[in-house]
C-alpha atoms as a PDB file:
ATOM      1  CA  UNK A   1     -11.460  -7.896   6.809  1.00  0.00           C
ATOM      2  CA  UNK A   2     -10.180  -4.340   7.270  1.00  0.00           C
ATOM      3  CA  UNK A   3      -8.417  -3.386  10.481  1.00  0.00           C
ATOM      4  CA  UNK A   4      -9.986  -1.052  13.055  1.00  0.00           C
ATOM      5  CA  UNK A   5      -7.251   1.466  12.294  1.00  0.00           C
ATOM      6  CA  UNK A   6      -8.203   1.592   8.601  1.00  0.00           C
ATOM      7  CA  UNK A   7     -11.905   2.017   9.388  1.00  0.00           C
ATOM      8  CA  UNK A   8     -11.060   4.807  11.847  1.00  0.00           C
ATOM      9  CA  UNK A   9      -8.859   6.558   9.229  1.00  0.00           C
ATOM     10  CA  UNK A  10     -11.718   6.394   6.717  1.00  0.00           C
ATOM     11  CA  UNK A  11     -14.139   7.832   9.287  1.00  0.00           C
ATOM     12  CA  UNK A  12     -11.662  10.613  10.046  1.00  0.00           C
ATOM     13  CA  UNK A  13     -11.529  11.395   6.310  1.00  0.00           C
ATOM     14  CA  UNK A  14     -15.341  11.547   6.273  1.00  0.00           C
ATOM     15  CA  UNK A  15     -15.395  13.917   9.263  1.00  0.00           C
ATOM     16  CA  UNK A  16     -12.929  16.165   7.439  1.00  0.00           C
ATOM     17  CA  UNK A  17     -15.341  16.284   4.485  1.00  0.00           C
ATOM     18  CA  UNK A  18     -13.108  14.331   2.126  1.00  0.00           C
ATOM     19  CA  UNK A  19     -14.609  12.490  -0.826  1.00  0.00           C
ATOM     20  CA  UNK A  20     -15.786   8.870  -0.765  1.00  0.00           C
ATOM     21  CA  UNK A  21     -12.929   7.864  -3.074  1.00  0.00           C
ATOM     22  CA  UNK A  22     -10.420   9.330  -0.595  1.00  0.00           C
ATOM     23  CA  UNK A  23     -12.082   7.372   2.213  1.00  0.00           C
ATOM     24  CA  UNK A  24     -11.945   4.217   0.068  1.00  0.00           C
ATOM     25  CA  UNK A  25      -8.265   4.929  -0.597  1.00  0.00           C
ATOM     26  CA  UNK A  26      -7.509   3.954   3.012  1.00  0.00           C
ATOM     27  CA  UNK A  27      -8.841   0.447   2.295  1.00  0.00           C
ATOM     28  CA  UNK A  28      -6.920   0.213  -0.983  1.00  0.00           C
ATOM     29  CA  UNK A  29      -3.699   1.206   0.834  1.00  0.00           C
ATOM     30  CA  UNK A  30      -4.328  -1.496   3.415  1.00  0.00           C
ATOM     31  CA  UNK A  31      -4.909  -4.099   0.689  1.00  0.00           C
ATOM     32  CA  UNK A  32      -1.656  -3.139  -1.048  1.00  0.00           C
ATOM     33  CA  UNK A  33       0.134  -3.401   2.297  1.00  0.00           C
ATOM     34  CA  UNK A  34      -1.347  -6.877   2.915  1.00  0.00           C
ATOM     35  CA  UNK A  35      -0.070  -8.070  -0.453  1.00  0.00           C
ATOM     36  CA  UNK A  36       3.388  -6.555   0.108  1.00  0.00           C
ATOM     37  CA  UNK A  37       3.594  -8.292   3.507  1.00  0.00           C
ATOM     38  CA  UNK A  38       2.812 -11.585   1.748  1.00  0.00           C
ATOM     39  CA  UNK A  39      -0.578 -12.266   3.337  1.00  0.00           C
ATOM     40  CA  UNK A  40      -1.897 -13.027  -0.149  1.00  0.00           C
ATOM     41  CA  UNK A  41      -1.308 -11.981  -3.754  1.00  0.00           C
ATOM     42  CA  UNK A  42      -3.220 -10.435  -6.644  1.00  0.00           C
ATOM     43  CA  UNK A  43      -3.291 -11.122 -10.349  1.00  0.00           C
ATOM     44  CA  UNK A  44      -2.942  -7.435 -11.182  1.00  0.00           C
ATOM     45  CA  UNK A  45      -2.783  -3.990  -9.593  1.00  0.00           C
ATOM     46  CA  UNK A  46      -6.357  -3.512 -10.791  1.00  0.00           C
ATOM     47  CA  UNK A  47      -7.470  -6.569  -8.787  1.00  0.00           C
ATOM     48  CA  UNK A  48      -5.758  -5.293  -5.625  1.00  0.00           C
ATOM     49  CA  UNK A  49      -7.558  -1.950  -6.027  1.00  0.00           C
ATOM     50  CA  UNK A  50     -10.886  -3.716  -6.669  1.00  0.00           C
ATOM     51  CA  UNK A  51     -10.523  -5.775  -3.469  1.00  0.00           C
ATOM     52  CA  UNK A  52      -9.830  -2.580  -1.499  1.00  0.00           C
ATOM     53  CA  UNK A  53     -12.853  -0.806  -3.013  1.00  0.00           C
ATOM     54  CA  UNK A  54     -15.076  -3.780  -2.210  1.00  0.00           C
ATOM     55  CA  UNK A  55     -13.913  -3.754   1.426  1.00  0.00           C
ATOM     56  CA  UNK A  56     -14.581  -0.016   1.570  1.00  0.00           C
ATOM     57  CA  UNK A  57     -18.128  -0.481   0.274  1.00  0.00           C
ATOM     58  CA  UNK A  58     -18.778  -3.289   2.782  1.00  0.00           C
ATOM     59  CA  UNK A  59     -17.437  -1.086   5.585  1.00  0.00           C
ATOM     60  CA  UNK A  60     -20.022   1.581   4.776  1.00  0.00           C
ATOM     61  CA  UNK A  61     -18.123   4.078   2.599  1.00  0.00           C
ATOM     62  CA  UNK A  62     -20.685   5.843   0.384  1.00  0.00           C
ATOM     63  CA  UNK A  63     -19.088   4.704  -2.877  1.00  0.00           C
ATOM     64  CA  UNK A  64     -21.862   3.761  -5.338  1.00  0.00           C
ATOM     65  CA  UNK A  65     -21.265   0.859  -7.741  1.00  0.00           C
ATOM     66  CA  UNK A  66     -20.236   1.699 -11.325  1.00  0.00           C
ATOM     67  CA  UNK A  67     -23.038   2.506 -13.775  1.00  0.00           C
ATOM     68  CA  UNK A  68     -24.173   0.027 -16.416  1.00  0.00           C
ATOM     69  CA  UNK A  69     -21.783  -0.164 -19.358  1.00  0.00           C
ATOM     70  CA  UNK A  70     -18.785   1.136 -17.381  1.00  0.00           C
ATOM     71  CA  UNK A  71     -17.692  -2.368 -16.384  1.00  0.00           C
ATOM     72  CA  UNK A  72     -18.842  -5.987 -16.682  1.00  0.00           C
ATOM     73  CA  UNK A  73     -22.262  -6.868 -15.283  1.00  0.00           C
ATOM     74  CA  UNK A  74     -20.636  -9.367 -12.897  1.00  0.00           C
ATOM     75  CA  UNK A  75     -18.338  -6.700 -11.417  1.00  0.00           C
ATOM     76  CA  UNK A  76     -21.214  -4.225 -11.170  1.00  0.00           C
ATOM     77  CA  UNK A  77     -23.426  -6.746  -9.353  1.00  0.00           C
ATOM     78  CA  UNK A  78     -20.621  -7.567  -6.932  1.00  0.00           C
ATOM     79  CA  UNK A  79     -20.054  -3.868  -6.212  1.00  0.00           C
ATOM     80  CA  UNK A  80     -23.805  -3.361  -5.785  1.00  0.00           C
ATOM     81  CA  UNK A  81     -23.990  -6.235  -3.269  1.00  0.00           C
ATOM     82  CA  UNK A  82     -21.031  -4.855  -1.275  1.00  0.00           C
ATOM     83  CA  UNK A  83     -22.505  -1.337  -1.337  1.00  0.00           C
ATOM     84  CA  UNK A  84     -25.927  -2.504  -0.114  1.00  0.00           C
ATOM     85  CA  UNK A  85     -24.294  -4.571   2.635  1.00  0.00           C
ATOM     86  CA  UNK A  86     -22.292  -1.546   3.792  1.00  0.00           C
ATOM     87  CA  UNK A  87     -25.341   0.708   3.752  1.00  0.00           C
ATOM     88  CA  UNK A  88     -27.306  -1.802   5.862  1.00  0.00           C
ATOM     89  CA  UNK A  89     -29.789  -2.545   3.085  1.00  0.00           C
ATOM     90  CA  UNK A  90     -28.751  -6.174   2.722  1.00  0.00           C
ATOM     91  CA  UNK A  91     -27.820  -8.893   5.183  1.00  0.00           C
ATOM     92  CA  UNK A  92     -24.556 -10.619   4.283  1.00  0.00           C
ATOM     93  CA  UNK A  93     -24.361 -14.403   4.274  1.00  0.00           C
ATOM     94  CA  UNK A  94     -21.270 -16.082   5.698  1.00  0.00           C
ATOM     95  CA  UNK A  95     -19.790 -18.600   3.263  1.00  0.00           C
ATOM     96  CA  UNK A  96     -16.700 -20.120   4.894  1.00  0.00           C
ATOM     97  CA  UNK A  97     -15.992 -22.593   2.087  1.00  0.00           C
ATOM     98  CA  UNK A  98     -16.102 -19.872  -0.556  1.00  0.00           C
ATOM     99  CA  UNK A  99     -14.010 -17.534   1.598  1.00  0.00           C
ATOM    100  CA  UNK A 100     -11.437 -20.300   2.133  1.00  0.00           C
ATOM    101  CA  UNK A 101     -11.302 -21.075  -1.577  1.00  0.00           C
ATOM    102  CA  UNK A 102     -10.815 -17.383  -2.446  1.00  0.00           C
ATOM    103  CA  UNK A 103      -8.053 -17.069   0.162  1.00  0.00           C
ATOM    104  CA  UNK A 104      -6.291 -20.203  -1.147  1.00  0.00           C
ATOM    105  CA  UNK A 105      -6.494 -18.896  -4.724  1.00  0.00           C
ATOM    106  CA  UNK A 106      -5.199 -15.444  -3.780  1.00  0.00           C
ATOM    107  CA  UNK A 107      -2.263 -17.011  -1.903  1.00  0.00           C
ATOM    108  CA  UNK A 108      -1.061 -18.479  -5.225  1.00  0.00           C
ATOM    109  CA  UNK A 109      -1.115 -15.110  -7.001  1.00  0.00           C
ATOM    110  CA  UNK A 110       2.050 -12.988  -7.391  1.00  0.00           C
ATOM    111  CA  UNK A 111       3.082 -10.219  -4.976  1.00  0.00           C
ATOM    112  CA  UNK A 112       4.906  -8.152  -7.598  1.00  0.00           C
ATOM    113  CA  UNK A 113       1.605  -6.751  -8.901  1.00  0.00           C
ATOM    114  CA  UNK A 114       1.684  -4.045  -6.212  1.00  0.00           C
ATOM    115  CA  UNK A 115       5.271  -2.955  -6.745  1.00  0.00           C
ATOM    116  CA  UNK A 116       5.882   0.770  -7.217  1.00  0.00           C
ATOM    117  CA  UNK A 117       6.437   0.345 -10.957  1.00  0.00           C
ATOM    118  CA  UNK A 118       3.255  -1.694 -11.565  1.00  0.00           C
ATOM    119  CA  UNK A 119       1.123   0.690  -9.474  1.00  0.00           C
ATOM    120  CA  UNK A 120       2.651   3.609 -11.370  1.00  0.00           C
ATOM    121  CA  UNK A 121       1.810   1.897 -14.677  1.00  0.00           C
ATOM    122  CA  UNK A 122      -1.780   1.345 -13.475  1.00  0.00           C
ATOM    123  CA  UNK A 123      -2.188   4.989 -12.392  1.00  0.00           C
ATOM    124  CA  UNK A 124      -0.764   6.377 -15.635  1.00  0.00           C
ATOM    125  CA  UNK A 125      -2.991   4.074 -17.685  1.00  0.00           C
ATOM    126  CA  UNK A 126      -6.076   5.088 -15.706  1.00  0.00           C
ATOM    127  CA  UNK A 127      -5.225   8.796 -16.081  1.00  0.00           C
ATOM    128  CA  UNK A 128      -4.646   8.435 -19.830  1.00  0.00           C
ATOM    129  CA  UNK A 129      -8.160   7.031 -20.269  1.00  0.00           C
ATOM    130  CA  UNK A 130      -9.625  10.235 -18.796  1.00  0.00           C
ATOM    131  CA  UNK A 131      -9.975  13.381 -20.875  1.00  0.00           C
ATOM    132  CA  UNK A 132      -7.915  16.492 -20.148  1.00  0.00           C
ATOM    133  CA  UNK A 133     -11.153  18.250 -19.168  1.00  0.00           C
ATOM    134  CA  UNK A 134     -11.943  15.496 -16.623  1.00  0.00           C
ATOM    135  CA  UNK A 135      -8.483  15.704 -15.093  1.00  0.00           C
ATOM    136  CA  UNK A 136      -8.688  19.497 -14.948  1.00  0.00           C
ATOM    137  CA  UNK A 137     -12.145  19.396 -13.330  1.00  0.00           C
ATOM    138  CA  UNK A 138     -10.873  16.932 -10.713  1.00  0.00           C
ATOM    139  CA  UNK A 139      -7.968  19.245  -9.909  1.00  0.00           C
ATOM    140  CA  UNK A 140     -10.329  22.223  -9.563  1.00  0.00           C
ATOM    141  CA  UNK A 141     -12.610  20.208  -7.283  1.00  0.00           C
ATOM    142  CA  UNK A 142      -9.615  19.146  -5.176  1.00  0.00           C
ATOM    143  CA  UNK A 143      -8.644  22.788  -4.680  1.00  0.00           C
ATOM    144  CA  UNK A 144     -12.220  23.736  -3.801  1.00  0.00           C
ATOM    145  CA  UNK A 145     -12.594  20.955  -1.210  1.00  0.00           C
ATOM    146  CA  UNK A 146      -9.169  21.418   0.390  1.00  0.00           C
ATOM    147  CA  UNK A 147     -10.333  23.829   3.108  1.00  0.00           C
ATOM    148  CA  UNK A 148      -8.762  27.169   4.028  1.00  0.00           C
ATOM    149  CA  UNK A 149      -5.644  25.708   5.675  1.00  0.00           C
ATOM    150  CA  UNK A 150      -5.068  23.339   2.754  1.00  0.00           C
ATOM    151  CA  UNK A 151      -5.485  26.124   0.204  1.00  0.00           C
ATOM    152  CA  UNK A 152      -2.999  28.404   1.925  1.00  0.00           C
ATOM    153  CA  UNK A 153      -0.524  25.511   2.234  1.00  0.00           C
ATOM    154  CA  UNK A 154      -0.985  24.765  -1.487  1.00  0.00           C
ATOM    155  CA  UNK A 155      -0.474  28.456  -2.311  1.00  0.00           C
ATOM    156  CA  UNK A 156       2.738  28.531  -0.240  1.00  0.00           C
ATOM    157  CA  UNK A 157       4.002  25.414  -1.986  1.00  0.00           C
ATOM    158  CA  UNK A 158       3.138  26.883  -5.396  1.00  0.00           C
ATOM    159  CA  UNK A 159       4.983  30.091  -4.475  1.00  0.00           C
ATOM    160  CA  UNK A 160       8.091  28.101  -3.491  1.00  0.00           C
ATOM    161  CA  UNK A 161       8.118  26.079  -6.674  1.00  0.00           C
ATOM    162  CA  UNK A 162       7.420  28.911  -9.098  1.00  0.00           C
ATOM    163  CA  UNK A 163       9.935  31.440 -10.310  1.00  0.00           C
ATOM    164  CA  UNK A 164      10.276  34.857  -8.659  1.00  0.00           C
ATOM    165  CA  UNK A 165       8.320  36.542 -11.481  1.00  0.00           C
ATOM    166  CA  UNK A 166       5.349  34.201 -10.984  1.00  0.00           C
ATOM    167  CA  UNK A 167       5.158  34.671  -7.201  1.00  0.00           C
ATOM    168  CA  UNK A 168       3.425  38.035  -7.296  1.00  0.00           C
ATOM    169  CA  UNK A 169       0.928  36.728  -9.871  1.00  0.00           C
ATOM    170  CA  UNK A 170       0.194  33.718  -7.647  1.00  0.00           C
ATOM    171  CA  UNK A 171      -0.295  36.005  -4.639  1.00  0.00           C
ATOM    172  CA  UNK A 172      -2.713  38.231  -6.598  1.00  0.00           C
ATOM    173  CA  UNK A 173      -4.660  35.196  -7.761  1.00  0.00           C
ATOM    174  CA  UNK A 174      -4.868  33.847  -4.187  1.00  0.00           C
ATOM    175  CA  UNK A 175      -6.111  37.244  -2.977  1.00  0.00           C
ATOM    176  CA  UNK A 176      -8.796  37.295  -5.694  1.00  0.00           C
ATOM    177  CA  UNK A 177      -9.867  33.767  -4.732  1.00  0.00           C
ATOM    178  CA  UNK A 178     -10.132  34.722  -1.054  1.00  0.00           C
ATOM    179  CA  UNK A 179     -12.130  37.830  -1.951  1.00  0.00           C
ATOM    180  CA  UNK A 180     -14.501  35.791  -4.134  1.00  0.00           C
ATOM    181  CA  UNK A 181     -14.960  33.199  -1.369  1.00  0.00           C
ATOM    182  CA  UNK A 182     -15.714  35.884   1.227  1.00  0.00           C
ATOM    183  CA  UNK A 183     -18.261  37.505  -1.114  1.00  0.00           C
ATOM    184  CA  UNK A 184     -19.907  34.087  -1.554  1.00  0.00           C
ATOM    185  CA  UNK A 185     -20.163  33.588   2.214  1.00  0.00           C
ATOM    186  CA  UNK A 186     -21.663  37.024   2.885  1.00  0.00           C
ATOM    187  CA  UNK A 187     -24.659  36.372   0.588  1.00  0.00           C
END
């Protein structure tokens, strides 16, 4: 069960116009924290992330289940059930014996699966399975959805990290982007 604080953080992300995966990230962070505190364990980093995503779906985050063929049918059905429950399309059934059995099983699982190194390994593996074009498109989308304040902060950071010769080019590019955005708004 996610904490009120986590649900509120996810709602704040939604109000700010952040993506569903960013909202779900709050639940994944909480799950990782639970495991690190020793509340229960997980067999792998992937399992810890899956538990967090399921909680996010049940809490109403608009995160559709994976499409057929992307994962096992069992996982897809579980995600579909959680999604429908969160969207108010399905009534959940309380199953205390099942919940107790799951909790007892998770308590026996290791805590090291959410260490920095194992989470890093998981992230690198997940990124390597995506194409360069996918990663590039995600980065472009992130820039587009950052908002004006976020873009200017990113531009300032880029200017600090680049060499002196690149700074003027970065400034020109930022000016062109602003001009293009303002033209798009005036239409």
